[in-house]
Amino acid sequence: MSVQVVQGVLKSSTGQSVPLSTSITDGSDSQEVLTATAFTVTAQSVGRYCDGWTLTHGWISCATNIVYAYVLRNGQNIANITSLSSNAIGGGKGMQPLSHPVRIIPGDQILCRVQA
């Protein structure tokens, strides 16, 4: 097992955006991706930082294999986020629409799983 740095960006319907960056151990079950400390000072859950935002676009990436990324609310996947490894063919397409717009409420999380 190794540690992957998962990075990404989420964008709202009003044009606001927030960068994401979290170190995640590969092969373990879904782990939360938090806001980037260089932008938000402390790493925060999306439900806390983006409360009230309607997320429309985003991307999540890591160096090797990312399996999935999504918005979790009350234990359910409510929206998928484009996620590609930097090794993937077509990787780096950048910001893509979420499976559908999602209004963020406290407690919402971005979860992902990575593999080496």
N, C-alpha and C. Protein backbone atom coordinates (compact mmCIF):
# COMPACT_ATOMS: atom_id res chain seq x y z
N MET A 1 0.84 -1.19 0.00
CA MET A 1 0.00 0.00 0.00
C MET A 1 0.88 1.24 0.00
N SER A 2 0.41 2.21 -0.75
CA SER A 2 1.13 3.48 -0.80
C SER A 2 0.13 4.60 -0.56
N VAL A 3 0.66 5.80 -0.50
CA VAL A 3 -0.19 6.97 -0.28
C VAL A 3 -0.23 7.77 -1.58
N GLN A 4 -1.43 8.12 -2.00
CA GLN A 4 -1.64 8.92 -3.20
C GLN A 4 -2.12 10.31 -2.80
N VAL A 5 -1.66 11.32 -3.49
CA VAL A 5 -2.17 12.67 -3.28
C VAL A 5 -3.30 12.86 -4.29
N VAL A 6 -4.50 13.03 -3.76
CA VAL A 6 -5.68 13.23 -4.60
C VAL A 6 -5.95 14.73 -4.64
N GLN A 7 -6.08 15.26 -5.86
CA GLN A 7 -6.32 16.69 -6.03
C GLN A 7 -7.51 16.90 -6.94
N GLY A 8 -8.10 18.07 -6.85
CA GLY A 8 -9.24 18.37 -7.71
C GLY A 8 -9.75 19.77 -7.48
N VAL A 9 -10.84 20.07 -8.18
CA VAL A 9 -11.49 21.37 -8.05
C VAL A 9 -12.98 21.15 -8.21
N LEU A 10 -13.76 21.88 -7.43
CA LEU A 10 -15.21 21.89 -7.57
C LEU A 10 -15.64 23.31 -7.92
N LYS A 11 -16.64 23.43 -8.78
CA LYS A 11 -17.12 24.75 -9.21
C LYS A 11 -18.63 24.83 -9.01
N SER A 12 -19.09 25.99 -8.56
CA SER A 12 -20.51 26.20 -8.28
C SER A 12 -21.19 26.89 -9.46
N SER A 13 -22.51 26.98 -9.37
CA SER A 13 -23.31 27.62 -10.41
C SER A 13 -23.04 29.13 -10.50
N THR A 14 -22.49 29.71 -9.43
CA THR A 14 -22.17 31.15 -9.44
C THR A 14 -20.73 31.43 -9.85
N GLY A 15 -19.98 30.37 -10.17
CA GLY A 15 -18.60 30.53 -10.60
C GLY A 15 -17.57 30.39 -9.49
N GLN A 16 -18.03 30.27 -8.24
CA GLN A 16 -17.08 30.05 -7.14
C GLN A 16 -16.43 28.69 -7.32
N SER A 17 -15.18 28.57 -6.90
CA SER A 17 -14.52 27.27 -6.97
C SER A 17 -13.69 27.05 -5.72
N VAL A 18 -13.42 25.79 -5.44
CA VAL A 18 -12.60 25.43 -4.30
C VAL A 18 -11.69 24.27 -4.70
N PRO A 19 -10.37 24.42 -4.48
CA PRO A 19 -9.46 23.32 -4.77
C PRO A 19 -9.50 22.27 -3.66
N LEU A 20 -9.29 21.04 -4.04
CA LEU A 20 -9.26 19.92 -3.11
C LEU A 20 -7.88 19.29 -3.13
N SER A 21 -7.42 18.79 -1.99
CA SER A 21 -6.13 18.08 -1.94
C SER A 21 -6.06 17.29 -0.64
N THR A 22 -5.90 15.97 -0.78
CA THR A 22 -5.84 15.08 0.38
C THR A 22 -4.94 13.90 0.06
N SER A 23 -4.17 13.45 1.03
CA SER A 23 -3.37 12.23 0.88
C SER A 23 -4.22 11.04 1.31
N ILE A 24 -4.32 10.05 0.43
CA ILE A 24 -5.19 8.89 0.67
C ILE A 24 -4.38 7.61 0.48
N THR A 25 -4.57 6.65 1.38
CA THR A 25 -3.92 5.35 1.25
C THR A 25 -4.66 4.54 0.20
N ASP A 26 -3.92 4.05 -0.79
CA ASP A 26 -4.59 3.31 -1.86
C ASP A 26 -5.07 1.94 -1.37
N GLY A 27 -6.11 1.46 -2.04
CA GLY A 27 -6.66 0.16 -1.73
C GLY A 27 -7.60 0.11 -0.55
N SER A 28 -7.72 1.20 0.18
CA SER A 28 -8.65 1.19 1.32
C SER A 28 -10.01 1.70 0.85
N ASP A 29 -11.03 1.40 1.63
CA ASP A 29 -12.38 1.81 1.25
C ASP A 29 -12.45 3.32 1.11
N SER A 30 -13.57 3.79 0.62
CA SER A 30 -13.78 5.21 0.34
C SER A 30 -13.23 6.11 1.44
N GLN A 31 -12.48 7.12 1.03
CA GLN A 31 -11.91 8.08 1.96
C GLN A 31 -12.29 9.48 1.51
N GLU A 32 -12.44 10.37 2.48
CA GLU A 32 -12.89 11.72 2.17
C GLU A 32 -11.77 12.58 1.58
N VAL A 33 -12.14 13.35 0.57
CA VAL A 33 -11.25 14.34 -0.03
C VAL A 33 -11.65 15.69 0.54
N LEU A 34 -10.68 16.40 1.13
CA LEU A 34 -10.93 17.66 1.81
C LEU A 34 -10.43 18.85 0.99
N THR A 35 -10.79 20.05 1.41
CA THR A 35 -10.32 21.25 0.74
C THR A 35 -8.80 21.38 0.91
N ALA A 36 -8.17 22.05 -0.05
CA ALA A 36 -6.72 22.26 -0.02
C ALA A 36 -6.37 23.31 1.03
N THR A 37 -5.43 22.99 1.90
CA THR A 37 -5.06 23.92 2.98
C THR A 37 -4.41 25.20 2.46
N ALA A 38 -3.82 25.16 1.29
CA ALA A 38 -3.22 26.38 0.73
C ALA A 38 -4.30 27.41 0.38
N PHE A 39 -5.54 26.95 0.21
CA PHE A 39 -6.65 27.82 -0.16
C PHE A 39 -7.56 28.14 1.03
N THR A 40 -7.86 27.12 1.85
CA THR A 40 -8.83 27.30 2.93
C THR A 40 -8.20 27.31 4.33
N VAL A 41 -6.89 27.36 4.42
CA VAL A 41 -6.09 27.40 5.65
C VAL A 41 -6.15 26.07 6.39
N THR A 42 -7.34 25.57 6.72
CA THR A 42 -7.48 24.25 7.33
C THR A 42 -8.27 23.36 6.38
N ALA A 43 -7.90 22.08 6.33
CA ALA A 43 -8.63 21.13 5.48
C ALA A 43 -10.04 20.96 6.02
N GLN A 44 -11.01 21.15 5.16
CA GLN A 44 -12.41 21.07 5.59
C GLN A 44 -13.21 20.17 4.66
N SER A 45 -14.26 19.60 5.22
CA SER A 45 -15.20 18.82 4.44
C SER A 45 -15.96 19.77 3.51
N VAL A 46 -16.34 19.28 2.35
CA VAL A 46 -17.06 20.11 1.39
C VAL A 46 -18.39 20.60 1.98
N GLY A 47 -19.04 19.77 2.77
CA GLY A 47 -20.30 20.16 3.39
C GLY A 47 -20.17 21.34 4.33
N ARG A 48 -18.98 21.52 4.87
CA ARG A 48 -18.75 22.65 5.77
C ARG A 48 -18.33 23.89 4.99
N TYR A 49 -17.39 23.74 4.06
CA TYR A 49 -16.86 24.90 3.34
C TYR A 49 -17.83 25.41 2.28
N CYS A 50 -18.52 24.52 1.60
CA CYS A 50 -19.37 24.90 0.46
C CYS A 50 -20.86 24.89 0.80
N ASP A 51 -21.20 25.01 2.05
CA ASP A 51 -22.61 24.98 2.47
C ASP A 51 -23.44 25.99 1.67
N GLY A 52 -24.48 25.50 1.02
CA GLY A 52 -25.36 26.36 0.24
C GLY A 52 -24.99 26.50 -1.22
N TRP A 53 -23.79 26.07 -1.61
CA TRP A 53 -23.38 26.14 -3.01
C TRP A 53 -24.15 25.10 -3.82
N THR A 54 -24.41 25.39 -5.06
CA THR A 54 -24.90 24.39 -6.00
C THR A 54 -23.72 24.01 -6.89
N LEU A 55 -23.18 22.83 -6.66
CA LEU A 55 -22.03 22.37 -7.44
C LEU A 55 -22.49 21.90 -8.81
N THR A 56 -21.79 22.35 -9.85
CA THR A 56 -22.16 21.99 -11.21
C THR A 56 -21.04 21.27 -11.95
N HIS A 57 -19.79 21.56 -11.61
CA HIS A 57 -18.64 20.99 -12.31
C HIS A 57 -17.58 20.56 -11.32
N GLY A 58 -16.70 19.69 -11.76
CA GLY A 58 -15.59 19.28 -10.93
C GLY A 58 -14.72 18.24 -11.59
N TRP A 59 -13.57 18.01 -10.99
CA TRP A 59 -12.70 16.90 -11.38
C TRP A 59 -11.85 16.52 -10.19
N ILE A 60 -11.50 15.26 -10.15
CA ILE A 60 -10.65 14.70 -9.10
C ILE A 60 -9.60 13.86 -9.81
N SER A 61 -8.35 13.95 -9.39
CA SER A 61 -7.28 13.22 -10.06
C SER A 61 -6.23 12.77 -9.06
N CYS A 62 -5.48 11.73 -9.43
CA CYS A 62 -4.31 11.29 -8.67
C CYS A 62 -3.29 10.73 -9.64
N ALA A 63 -2.10 10.40 -9.14
CA ALA A 63 -1.01 9.98 -10.01
C ALA A 63 -1.23 8.62 -10.67
N THR A 64 -1.83 7.69 -9.96
CA THR A 64 -2.02 6.36 -10.56
C THR A 64 -3.50 6.11 -10.83
N ASN A 65 -4.07 5.08 -10.27
CA ASN A 65 -5.44 4.71 -10.62
C ASN A 65 -6.45 5.21 -9.60
N ILE A 66 -7.37 6.02 -10.07
CA ILE A 66 -8.48 6.44 -9.22
C ILE A 66 -9.71 5.64 -9.67
N VAL A 67 -10.40 5.05 -8.72
CA VAL A 67 -11.51 4.16 -9.05
C VAL A 67 -12.80 4.96 -9.23
N TYR A 68 -13.10 5.86 -8.30
CA TYR A 68 -14.31 6.67 -8.38
C TYR A 68 -14.20 7.86 -7.45
N ALA A 69 -15.08 8.83 -7.67
CA ALA A 69 -15.24 9.98 -6.78
C ALA A 69 -16.69 10.41 -6.87
N TYR A 70 -17.26 10.76 -5.72
CA TYR A 70 -18.67 11.15 -5.70
C TYR A 70 -19.00 11.98 -4.47
N VAL A 71 -20.18 12.60 -4.51
CA VAL A 71 -20.69 13.35 -3.37
C VAL A 71 -21.55 12.39 -2.53
N LEU A 72 -21.22 12.29 -1.25
CA LEU A 72 -21.94 11.41 -0.33
C LEU A 72 -22.84 12.25 0.58
N ARG A 73 -24.12 11.85 0.66
CA ARG A 73 -25.05 12.50 1.59
C ARG A 73 -25.84 11.40 2.30
N ASN A 74 -25.76 11.41 3.62
CA ASN A 74 -26.49 10.43 4.44
C ASN A 74 -26.28 9.00 3.96
N GLY A 75 -25.05 8.67 3.60
CA GLY A 75 -24.72 7.31 3.20
C GLY A 75 -25.05 6.96 1.77
N GLN A 76 -25.50 7.93 0.97
CA GLN A 76 -25.86 7.64 -0.42
C GLN A 76 -25.08 8.51 -1.38
N ASN A 77 -24.70 7.92 -2.51
CA ASN A 77 -24.05 8.64 -3.60
C ASN A 77 -25.11 9.49 -4.28
N ILE A 78 -24.94 10.83 -4.22
CA ILE A 78 -25.95 11.69 -4.83
C ILE A 78 -25.47 12.33 -6.14
N ALA A 79 -24.16 12.28 -6.44
CA ALA A 79 -23.64 12.82 -7.70
C ALA A 79 -22.24 12.30 -7.95
N ASN A 80 -21.97 11.89 -9.17
CA ASN A 80 -20.64 11.41 -9.55
C ASN A 80 -19.79 12.58 -10.04
N ILE A 81 -18.49 12.48 -9.76
CA ILE A 81 -17.54 13.52 -10.17
C ILE A 81 -16.55 12.87 -11.13
N THR A 82 -16.24 13.57 -12.23
CA THR A 82 -15.26 13.05 -13.18
C THR A 82 -13.95 12.80 -12.46
N SER A 83 -13.42 11.58 -12.61
CA SER A 83 -12.18 11.24 -11.93
C SER A 83 -11.30 10.41 -12.85
N LEU A 84 -10.08 10.89 -13.07
CA LEU A 84 -9.12 10.20 -13.92
C LEU A 84 -7.74 10.25 -13.29
N SER A 85 -6.98 9.19 -13.51
CA SER A 85 -5.59 9.22 -13.08
C SER A 85 -4.77 9.95 -14.13
N SER A 86 -3.62 10.44 -13.75
CA SER A 86 -2.78 11.13 -14.73
C SER A 86 -2.22 10.16 -15.76
N ASN A 87 -2.28 8.85 -15.47
CA ASN A 87 -1.81 7.84 -16.42
C ASN A 87 -2.89 7.42 -17.41
N ALA A 88 -4.13 7.84 -17.19
CA ALA A 88 -5.25 7.39 -18.03
C ALA A 88 -5.19 8.03 -19.41
N ILE A 89 -5.60 7.26 -20.41
CA ILE A 89 -5.73 7.82 -21.75
C ILE A 89 -6.85 8.84 -21.69
N GLY A 90 -6.57 10.02 -22.14
CA GLY A 90 -7.58 11.08 -22.07
C GLY A 90 -7.59 11.78 -20.73
N GLY A 91 -6.68 11.41 -19.84
CA GLY A 91 -6.60 12.07 -18.55
C GLY A 91 -6.30 13.55 -18.74
N GLY A 92 -6.66 14.33 -17.78
CA GLY A 92 -6.37 15.75 -17.86
C GLY A 92 -7.38 16.54 -18.68
N LYS A 93 -8.58 16.02 -18.88
CA LYS A 93 -9.59 16.76 -19.62
C LYS A 93 -10.12 17.93 -18.81
N GLY A 94 -9.77 17.95 -17.54
CA GLY A 94 -10.13 19.09 -16.71
C GLY A 94 -11.57 19.10 -16.24
N MET A 95 -12.07 20.28 -15.97
CA MET A 95 -13.39 20.46 -15.38
C MET A 95 -14.49 19.90 -16.28
N GLN A 96 -15.30 19.02 -15.70
CA GLN A 96 -16.42 18.40 -16.41
C GLN A 96 -17.69 18.55 -15.57
N PRO A 97 -18.87 18.53 -16.19
CA PRO A 97 -20.10 18.62 -15.41
C PRO A 97 -20.25 17.41 -14.47
N LEU A 98 -20.81 17.65 -13.29
CA LEU A 98 -21.18 16.55 -12.41
C LEU A 98 -22.32 15.78 -13.07
N SER A 99 -22.63 14.59 -12.56
CA SER A 99 -23.72 13.82 -13.15
C SER A 99 -25.02 14.63 -13.14
N HIS A 100 -25.17 15.52 -12.18
CA HIS A 100 -26.25 16.51 -12.13
C HIS A 100 -25.90 17.54 -11.06
N PRO A 101 -26.42 18.77 -11.15
CA PRO A 101 -26.11 19.78 -10.13
C PRO A 101 -26.59 19.34 -8.75
N VAL A 102 -25.79 19.70 -7.73
CA VAL A 102 -26.10 19.30 -6.35
C VAL A 102 -25.95 20.50 -5.43
N ARG A 103 -26.99 20.79 -4.66
CA ARG A 103 -26.90 21.84 -3.63
C ARG A 103 -26.29 21.21 -2.39
N ILE A 104 -25.16 21.75 -1.95
CA ILE A 104 -24.41 21.19 -0.83
C ILE A 104 -25.02 21.63 0.50
N ILE A 105 -25.13 20.67 1.42
CA ILE A 105 -25.62 20.95 2.76
C ILE A 105 -24.59 20.44 3.77
N PRO A 106 -24.62 20.92 5.02
CA PRO A 106 -23.67 20.44 6.02
C PRO A 106 -23.73 18.92 6.13
N GLY A 107 -22.57 18.31 6.22
CA GLY A 107 -22.48 16.86 6.33
C GLY A 107 -22.15 16.18 5.02
N ASP A 108 -22.32 16.86 3.88
CA ASP A 108 -21.97 16.27 2.59
C ASP A 108 -20.45 16.08 2.52
N GLN A 109 -20.04 15.02 1.84
CA GLN A 109 -18.61 14.71 1.71
C GLN A 109 -18.29 14.34 0.27
N ILE A 110 -17.02 14.54 -0.10
CA ILE A 110 -16.51 14.02 -1.36
C ILE A 110 -15.71 12.78 -0.99
N LEU A 111 -16.10 11.64 -1.53
CA LEU A 111 -15.39 10.39 -1.26
C LEU A 111 -14.76 9.88 -2.54
N CYS A 112 -13.62 9.20 -2.40
CA CYS A 112 -13.01 8.56 -3.55
C CYS A 112 -12.23 7.32 -3.10
N ARG A 113 -11.87 6.52 -4.07
CA ARG A 113 -11.04 5.34 -3.83
C ARG A 113 -9.94 5.32 -4.89
N VAL A 114 -8.72 5.06 -4.45
CA VAL A 114 -7.57 4.99 -5.36
C VAL A 114 -6.91 3.63 -5.24
N GLN A 115 -6.24 3.23 -6.32
CA GLN A 115 -5.48 1.97 -6.38
C GLN A 115 -4.10 2.28 -6.93
N ALA A 116 -3.10 1.55 -6.47
CA ALA A 116 -1.74 1.75 -6.98
C ALA A 116 -1.59 1.02 -8.30
